[in-house]
Amino acid sequence: MDALGNLTLTVKGTDPAAPRVMIFAHTDQMGLVVRRIEADGYLRIERLGGVPDRVLPGLRMVVTNRHGETIPCIVGIKAHHATPQDEKSQVVGTDKLYLDLGVDSAAEVAELGIEIGAPVTYSPEFQRFGPHKICGTALDDRAGCAALMELIRSAVEIPVPATLLAVFTVQEEFNLRGAMVSAQRLLPDAAISIDIMVASDTPDLLQRGDLRLGGGPALGMYSFHGRGTLNGTLPHPALVNHLSATGAETGIPLQRSAHTGCLTDSSYVQLVGDGIPSMDIGFPTRYTHTPIEVCDLRDLEGIVVILHGALDNMTSEFSFSRRRA
């Protein structure tokens, strides 16, 4: 574990000359930070990462105190019966929201061990959802972490030529900071991020793309944030071709994503050193960054099969040349 908190597990390949591949998923989730404690015990907050303001009012959340304990709270919302008609359809900004801990004074907040800077996250939930799906909090990117754990197990049980540098990264939601530090230390031959990709199989997003839950893992063909962090990833063609060929060989269907408005850790990892061949592989996810996200276990299982197969076909002869054969 490094100073930032990234955790690296190495599974050595059977071919010492084969590529060293960093495959990573982020452990963090976005949330809020306490910025002020009012005299009457209410907490004022700042956003940390892409929390959508429109889902917050009335939501159950948890504050982590200085002892690591989670304290339940509610995001305050003006009583419906006292809300003027013109306000009922408005989105209230985070700067105007407050948290209700059920206490009556700042002294009681202090007794709970809550201080300015305390992290606030969605109250965690998880359940099976239909025959193949799961829904819950922070599937972005805990589901990706689960897939990476399974890949580690698979590579230990069935060794592959390439060395797997499995990294569980931090601070992805806080401007993509953690994975770059790991890449600077490891200097891998290639890097692949496991993360969500925005599903377009709901009525409101049918024209947005062509990603559906249960349709297989998705290869990231283009990502660009488009605001703030003007960064994104154009995948390395050798990795795209290799994963596509692995999909055909294993019989795992692959989808493709080209999307503006989101990006992953790979956007900075690719810029480390002299440049690292990088790409994203993802699992389509509905309702991203909300308290309850939805994904399909079959897509996560497919990611494991694809990545294990890709590592199995990466020998010392593997080329990252951008030229087509």
Protein backbone atom coordinates (compact mmCIF):
# COMPACT_ATOMS: atom_id res chain seq x y z
CA MET A 1 0.00 0.00 0.00
CA ASP A 2 1.37 3.42 -0.93
CA ALA A 3 1.05 6.72 0.92
CA LEU A 4 -2.21 7.65 -0.85
CA GLY A 5 -3.80 4.29 0.00
CA ASN A 6 -3.62 2.46 -3.33
CA LEU A 7 -3.31 -1.28 -2.76
CA THR A 8 -1.28 -3.35 -5.25
CA LEU A 9 -1.31 -7.14 -5.48
CA THR A 10 1.10 -8.79 -7.90
CA VAL A 11 0.50 -12.17 -9.54
CA LYS A 12 3.71 -13.07 -11.32
CA GLY A 13 3.31 -14.50 -14.80
CA THR A 14 4.88 -17.73 -16.02
CA ASP A 15 6.92 -15.85 -18.67
CA PRO A 16 9.34 -13.32 -17.11
CA ALA A 17 9.66 -11.58 -20.50
CA ALA A 18 5.90 -11.23 -21.00
CA PRO A 19 4.21 -7.85 -20.46
CA ARG A 20 3.47 -6.49 -17.01
CA VAL A 21 -0.15 -5.35 -17.09
CA MET A 22 -1.68 -3.00 -14.53
CA ILE A 23 -5.39 -3.74 -14.18
CA PHE A 24 -7.17 -1.49 -11.72
CA ALA A 25 -10.49 -0.51 -10.15
CA HIS A 26 -11.19 2.28 -7.70
CA THR A 27 -12.30 1.68 -4.13
CA ASP A 28 -13.60 5.15 -3.32
CA GLN A 29 -17.03 6.68 -3.78
CA MET A 30 -18.11 10.27 -4.13
CA GLY A 31 -19.99 11.96 -1.33
CA LEU A 32 -20.04 15.11 0.77
CA VAL A 33 -17.81 16.81 3.33
CA VAL A 34 -18.96 18.68 6.42
CA ARG A 35 -17.98 22.36 6.02
CA ARG A 36 -19.85 23.98 8.93
CA ILE A 37 -21.58 22.93 12.14
CA GLU A 38 -24.51 25.18 13.04
CA ALA A 39 -25.26 26.15 16.63
CA ASP A 40 -28.51 24.15 16.50
CA GLY A 41 -26.71 20.98 15.39
CA TYR A 42 -27.39 21.03 11.66
CA LEU A 43 -24.45 20.35 9.32
CA ARG A 44 -23.64 22.33 6.18
CA ILE A 45 -21.87 20.42 3.41
CA GLU A 46 -19.68 20.54 0.31
CA ARG A 47 -19.79 18.08 -2.60
CA LEU A 48 -16.87 15.72 -3.11
CA GLY A 49 -17.09 14.28 -6.60
CA GLY A 50 -20.08 14.09 -8.89
CA VAL A 51 -22.97 13.80 -6.45
CA PRO A 52 -26.15 14.89 -8.28
CA ASP A 53 -27.84 17.66 -6.29
CA ARG A 54 -31.29 16.55 -7.49
CA VAL A 55 -31.18 13.22 -5.60
CA LEU A 56 -30.09 14.61 -2.21
CA PRO A 57 -33.10 16.27 -0.49
CA GLY A 58 -34.79 13.87 1.92
CA LEU A 59 -32.10 11.21 1.46
CA ARG A 60 -30.71 8.99 4.22
CA MET A 61 -26.92 9.31 4.52
CA VAL A 62 -24.16 8.50 7.00
CA VAL A 63 -21.44 10.70 8.50
CA THR A 64 -18.16 9.06 9.52
CA ASN A 65 -16.85 10.45 12.81
CA ARG A 66 -13.23 10.70 13.96
CA HIS A 67 -13.41 7.17 15.41
CA GLY A 68 -14.44 5.62 12.08
CA GLU A 69 -18.03 5.10 13.22
CA THR A 70 -20.92 5.87 10.87
CA ILE A 71 -23.65 8.13 12.21
CA PRO A 72 -27.01 8.16 10.36
CA CYS A 73 -28.43 11.45 9.15
CA ILE A 74 -31.04 12.86 6.78
CA VAL A 75 -30.61 15.56 4.15
CA GLY A 76 -33.10 18.20 5.18
CA ILE A 77 -35.87 19.25 2.81
CA LYS A 78 -38.55 21.88 3.23
CA ALA A 79 -41.86 20.28 4.23
CA HIS A 80 -44.00 19.68 1.14
CA HIS A 81 -46.99 21.37 2.75
CA ALA A 82 -44.96 24.56 3.25
CA THR A 83 -43.26 24.62 -0.18
CA PRO A 84 -44.55 27.27 -2.60
CA GLN A 85 -45.71 25.89 -5.94
CA ASP A 86 -42.88 27.54 -7.88
CA GLU A 87 -40.27 25.78 -5.68
CA LYS A 88 -41.68 22.26 -5.97
CA SER A 89 -39.96 21.59 -9.30
CA GLN A 90 -36.66 23.29 -8.45
CA VAL A 91 -33.37 21.53 -7.72
CA VAL A 92 -31.86 22.77 -4.45
CA GLY A 93 -28.09 23.29 -4.63
CA THR A 94 -25.76 21.60 -2.16
CA ASP A 95 -24.77 24.99 -0.73
CA LYS A 96 -28.35 25.43 0.53
CA LEU A 97 -28.80 21.91 1.93
CA TYR A 98 -28.15 20.74 5.47
CA LEU A 99 -27.90 17.44 7.35
CA ASP A 100 -30.16 16.57 10.27
CA LEU A 101 -28.48 14.30 12.86
CA GLY A 102 -31.45 14.30 15.24
CA VAL A 103 -29.58 16.44 17.77
CA ASP A 104 -30.26 19.95 19.03
CA SER A 105 -26.87 21.62 19.44
CA ALA A 106 -23.29 21.84 18.20
CA ALA A 107 -22.21 20.39 21.54
CA GLU A 108 -24.15 17.20 20.83
CA VAL A 109 -22.52 17.01 17.38
CA ALA A 110 -19.12 17.24 19.09
CA GLU A 111 -20.13 14.43 21.46
CA LEU A 112 -20.79 12.27 18.40
CA GLY A 113 -17.19 12.83 17.28
CA ILE A 114 -18.21 14.72 14.14
CA GLU A 115 -15.96 17.57 13.04
CA ILE A 116 -15.55 19.84 10.03
CA GLY A 117 -14.10 17.73 7.21
CA ALA A 118 -16.01 14.59 8.22
CA PRO A 119 -16.97 12.50 5.15
CA VAL A 120 -20.62 11.90 4.28
CA THR A 121 -21.82 9.14 1.96
CA TYR A 122 -25.04 7.50 0.86
CA SER A 123 -26.49 5.11 3.43
CA PRO A 124 -25.26 1.76 2.06
CA GLU A 125 -27.71 -0.71 0.53
CA PHE A 126 -27.37 -3.86 -1.56
CA GLN A 127 -29.71 -6.51 -2.93
CA ARG A 128 -30.23 -8.96 -5.76
CA PHE A 129 -32.44 -7.48 -8.44
CA GLY A 130 -34.12 -9.91 -10.81
CA PRO A 131 -32.43 -13.16 -11.90
CA HIS A 132 -29.05 -11.67 -12.92
CA LYS A 133 -28.85 -8.10 -11.67
CA ILE A 134 -27.75 -6.42 -8.47
CA CYS A 135 -28.59 -2.96 -7.18
CA GLY A 136 -27.00 -0.95 -4.44
CA THR A 137 -24.75 1.84 -3.30
CA ALA A 138 -21.37 2.55 -4.90
CA LEU A 139 -21.42 -0.22 -7.48
CA ASP A 140 -19.21 2.44 -9.07
CA ASP A 141 -16.72 0.97 -8.55
CA ARG A 142 -17.12 -1.71 -5.88
CA ALA A 143 -18.53 -4.04 -8.55
CA GLY A 144 -15.35 -3.41 -10.54
CA CYS A 145 -13.31 -4.24 -7.44
CA ALA A 146 -15.22 -7.53 -7.13
CA ALA A 147 -14.36 -8.37 -10.74
CA LEU A 148 -10.70 -7.54 -10.09
CA MET A 149 -10.68 -9.77 -7.00
CA GLU A 150 -12.08 -12.61 -9.07
CA LEU A 151 -9.45 -12.00 -11.76
CA ILE A 152 -6.71 -12.28 -9.12
CA ARG A 153 -8.17 -15.59 -7.94
CA SER A 154 -8.41 -16.84 -11.49
CA ALA A 155 -4.81 -15.87 -12.31
CA VAL A 156 -3.56 -17.63 -9.17
CA GLU A 157 -5.50 -20.82 -9.89
CA ILE A 158 -4.78 -20.85 -13.65
CA PRO A 159 -1.42 -19.09 -14.20
CA VAL A 160 -0.90 -16.90 -17.25
CA PRO A 161 2.28 -15.70 -19.03
CA ALA A 162 1.74 -12.00 -18.31
CA THR A 163 2.29 -10.53 -14.86
CA LEU A 164 -0.87 -9.08 -13.33
CA LEU A 165 -0.40 -5.88 -11.36
CA ALA A 166 -3.81 -5.60 -9.71
CA VAL A 167 -4.35 -2.18 -8.17
CA PHE A 168 -7.26 -1.08 -6.00
CA THR A 169 -7.02 2.68 -6.37
CA VAL A 170 -8.18 5.66 -4.33
CA GLN A 171 -9.41 9.18 -5.08
CA GLU A 172 -10.79 8.41 -8.54
CA GLU A 173 -13.90 10.42 -7.75
CA PHE A 174 -11.69 13.26 -6.51
CA ASN A 175 -10.19 14.24 -9.86
CA LEU A 176 -8.59 10.88 -10.75
CA ARG A 177 -5.59 11.08 -8.46
CA GLY A 178 -4.74 7.64 -7.10
CA ALA A 179 -4.07 5.43 -10.12
CA MET A 180 -1.54 7.85 -11.60
CA VAL A 181 0.63 7.49 -8.48
CA SER A 182 0.53 3.70 -8.80
CA ALA A 183 1.39 3.83 -12.49
CA GLN A 184 4.36 6.11 -11.77
CA ARG A 185 5.69 3.53 -9.33
CA LEU A 186 4.93 0.39 -11.33
CA LEU A 187 5.63 1.67 -14.88
CA PRO A 188 3.64 -1.21 -16.44
CA ASP A 189 3.78 -2.18 -20.11
CA ALA A 190 0.01 -1.69 -20.38
CA ALA A 191 -2.90 -0.57 -18.23
CA ILE A 192 -6.59 -1.49 -18.21
CA SER A 193 -9.23 0.19 -16.05
CA ILE A 194 -12.32 -1.68 -14.85
CA ASP A 195 -15.13 0.78 -14.22
CA ILE A 196 -18.76 1.55 -14.94
CA MET A 197 -20.05 2.56 -18.35
CA VAL A 198 -23.32 4.39 -18.75
CA ALA A 199 -26.09 2.00 -19.83
CA SER A 200 -28.48 3.29 -22.48
CA ASP A 201 -31.22 0.68 -22.10
CA THR A 202 -33.63 2.85 -20.08
CA PRO A 203 -36.44 4.89 -21.70
CA ASP A 204 -34.65 8.20 -21.13
CA LEU A 205 -31.33 7.15 -22.71
CA LEU A 206 -32.28 4.97 -25.67
CA GLN A 207 -30.78 7.46 -28.14
CA ARG A 208 -27.66 8.07 -26.06
CA GLY A 209 -25.74 4.91 -26.97
CA ASP A 210 -26.05 1.18 -27.44
CA LEU A 211 -25.11 -0.35 -24.09
CA ARG A 212 -27.47 -2.73 -22.32
CA LEU A 213 -27.21 -4.67 -19.10
CA GLY A 214 -26.48 -8.33 -19.74
CA GLY A 215 -25.11 -7.62 -23.22
CA GLY A 216 -21.53 -8.29 -22.19
CA PRO A 217 -18.55 -6.19 -21.06
CA ALA A 218 -18.02 -2.89 -22.87
CA LEU A 219 -14.81 -1.69 -24.47
CA GLY A 220 -14.19 2.01 -24.00
CA MET A 221 -13.64 3.48 -27.45
CA TYR A 222 -13.79 7.13 -26.43
CA SER A 223 -14.29 9.07 -23.23
CA PHE A 224 -14.07 12.80 -22.63
CA HIS A 225 -15.13 14.72 -19.58
CA GLY A 226 -16.07 17.81 -21.55
CA ARG A 227 -15.88 20.19 -18.59
CA GLY A 228 -13.62 20.90 -15.65
CA THR A 229 -11.14 18.07 -16.15
CA LEU A 230 -10.56 18.34 -19.89
CA ASN A 231 -9.26 14.83 -20.24
CA GLY A 232 -10.31 11.48 -21.61
CA THR A 233 -9.10 8.24 -23.13
CA LEU A 234 -8.66 7.08 -26.70
CA PRO A 235 -7.80 3.38 -26.29
CA HIS A 236 -4.56 1.92 -27.57
CA PRO A 237 -5.36 -0.05 -30.75
CA ALA A 238 -3.21 -3.04 -29.79
CA LEU A 239 -5.28 -3.50 -26.62
CA VAL A 240 -8.59 -2.99 -28.44
CA ASN A 241 -7.63 -5.60 -31.04
CA HIS A 242 -6.35 -8.00 -28.39
CA LEU A 243 -9.46 -7.81 -26.19
CA SER A 244 -11.72 -8.03 -29.24
CA ALA A 245 -9.91 -11.17 -30.39
CA THR A 246 -10.13 -12.61 -26.88
CA GLY A 247 -13.88 -11.99 -26.88
CA ALA A 248 -14.25 -13.89 -30.16
CA GLU A 249 -12.07 -16.72 -28.85
CA THR A 250 -13.89 -17.09 -25.53
CA GLY A 251 -17.38 -16.53 -26.89
CA ILE A 252 -17.99 -13.56 -24.58
CA PRO A 253 -19.99 -10.85 -26.38
CA LEU A 254 -18.45 -7.40 -26.25
CA GLN A 255 -20.19 -4.05 -26.46
CA ARG A 256 -18.59 -0.70 -27.27
CA SER A 257 -18.93 2.69 -25.62
CA ALA A 258 -18.14 6.17 -26.95
CA HIS A 259 -19.27 8.72 -24.39
CA THR A 260 -18.82 12.36 -23.46
CA GLY A 261 -19.44 13.35 -19.86
CA CYS A 262 -17.43 10.79 -17.94
CA LEU A 263 -13.91 9.46 -17.73
CA THR A 264 -11.81 7.02 -15.70
CA ASP A 265 -8.39 6.76 -14.10
CA SER A 266 -6.93 5.59 -17.42
CA SER A 267 -7.02 9.16 -18.74
CA TYR A 268 -4.09 10.04 -16.48
CA VAL A 269 -2.40 6.64 -16.33
CA GLN A 270 -1.87 6.77 -20.10
CA LEU A 271 0.26 9.92 -19.69
CA VAL A 272 2.76 8.46 -17.21
CA GLY A 273 6.41 8.14 -18.24
CA ASP A 274 6.80 7.85 -22.01
CA GLY A 275 3.11 6.94 -22.28
CA ILE A 276 1.42 3.68 -21.25
CA PRO A 277 -0.84 1.76 -23.67
CA SER A 278 -4.20 2.04 -21.91
CA MET A 279 -7.89 1.39 -22.28
CA ASP A 280 -11.11 0.92 -20.32
CA ILE A 281 -13.26 -2.15 -19.99
CA GLY A 282 -16.55 -1.61 -18.23
CA PHE A 283 -19.84 -3.02 -17.07
CA PRO A 284 -22.99 -1.16 -18.20
CA THR A 285 -24.61 0.52 -15.21
CA ARG A 286 -27.93 2.27 -14.74
CA TYR A 287 -28.60 5.32 -12.52
CA THR A 288 -24.92 6.18 -12.10
CA HIS A 289 -23.83 8.28 -9.10
CA THR A 290 -27.25 7.92 -7.48
CA PRO A 291 -27.81 6.07 -4.18
CA ILE A 292 -28.96 2.91 -5.99
CA GLU A 293 -27.05 1.83 -9.10
CA VAL A 294 -27.86 -1.29 -11.12
CA CYS A 295 -25.59 -3.67 -13.05
CA ASP A 296 -25.65 -7.25 -14.31
CA LEU A 297 -23.54 -10.04 -12.82
CA ARG A 298 -23.11 -11.64 -16.24
CA ASP A 299 -21.24 -8.56 -17.48
CA LEU A 300 -18.92 -8.67 -14.45
CA GLU A 301 -18.27 -12.38 -14.99
CA GLY A 302 -17.54 -11.64 -18.64
CA ILE A 303 -14.92 -9.06 -17.69
CA VAL A 304 -13.07 -11.69 -15.66
CA VAL A 305 -13.11 -14.20 -18.52
CA ILE A 306 -11.98 -11.60 -21.09
CA LEU A 307 -9.14 -10.24 -18.97
CA HIS A 308 -7.88 -13.67 -17.92
CA GLY A 309 -7.92 -14.75 -21.56
CA ALA A 310 -6.13 -11.56 -22.61
CA LEU A 311 -3.36 -12.13 -20.05
CA ASP A 312 -3.12 -15.76 -21.10
CA ASN A 313 -2.41 -14.68 -24.70
CA MET A 314 0.19 -12.06 -23.76
CA THR A 315 3.55 -13.75 -24.19
CA SER A 316 6.99 -12.26 -24.67
CA GLU A 317 6.15 -11.98 -28.38
CA PHE A 318 3.23 -9.62 -27.77
CA SER A 319 3.60 -6.28 -29.56
CA PHE A 320 2.17 -2.91 -28.61
CA SER A 321 2.98 -1.48 -32.03
CA ARG A 322 0.29 0.89 -33.29
CA ARG A 323 0.76 -0.43 -36.80
CA ARG A 324 -1.63 -3.03 -38.10
CA ALA A 325 -0.10 -6.34 -39.14
